[in-house]
Each structure stands twice: as C-alpha cells, then as structure tokens.
Amino acid sequence: MTKADIVAIIADATGLTKVETETVIDGFLSSVSAALVQGHRIDFRGFGSFSVKFRRAKVARNPGTGATVPLPERYVPVFKPSKILREAVDKNLNKTN
C-alpha cells in the first residue's frame, strides 16, 4: 500500500478532497518526524508507539563478501505495535491461512 492509496481511502471516507487529505497526512508525518528528531515518544492508544532507540557501535559482516564492516553508534526510530493491533493482525491473517 502506498501513500497515494492511503490518501484515496481517507478522502473517500471523510469527504475531503485528495489534495486536502494529502496535506493533512503530510502534516501528520512532519509532526511525527519532528517529535522523533527531538527524542520524544509518540503514543497512539490501540495502535502503537513510535520512539527513538540508541544502537551501540558494532562490527557487522557483509553477507556477500564476508568482509567486516564497522557500524557507528546511532539512533534509530522504532515502532512498537499495541497488543490490540497485534491481535487484530494475527486474527485476520489467520482467517485466510
């Protein structure tokens, strides 16, 4: 699913135009990005949370060549789904299997 697909679904559900919907989605994504850059945690009850996690420096291995590659310490954004979302996904995907 792409951003354009999501824009179309939300526009149909809300009655907003696709341009208005895309503006709202862009604003939402900008807000989430800005909060993560500042190190804040973002919680959506029933959906999940976004946060920033510190990763220590380590040595990794290139699977193609086998050469070692040093990875510097870094901060990465992470998403943790809520229990409600995990159960809903599992329930619906297990119906089709």
Foldseek 3Di string as FASTA:
>chain_A
DDPQVVLVVVCVVPVNDSVVSVVVVVVVVVVVVVCQVVQHKDDDPLFWIKGKDKDQWDWDADVVPRDIDTDHIDIDIDIDTDPNVVVVVVVVVVVVD
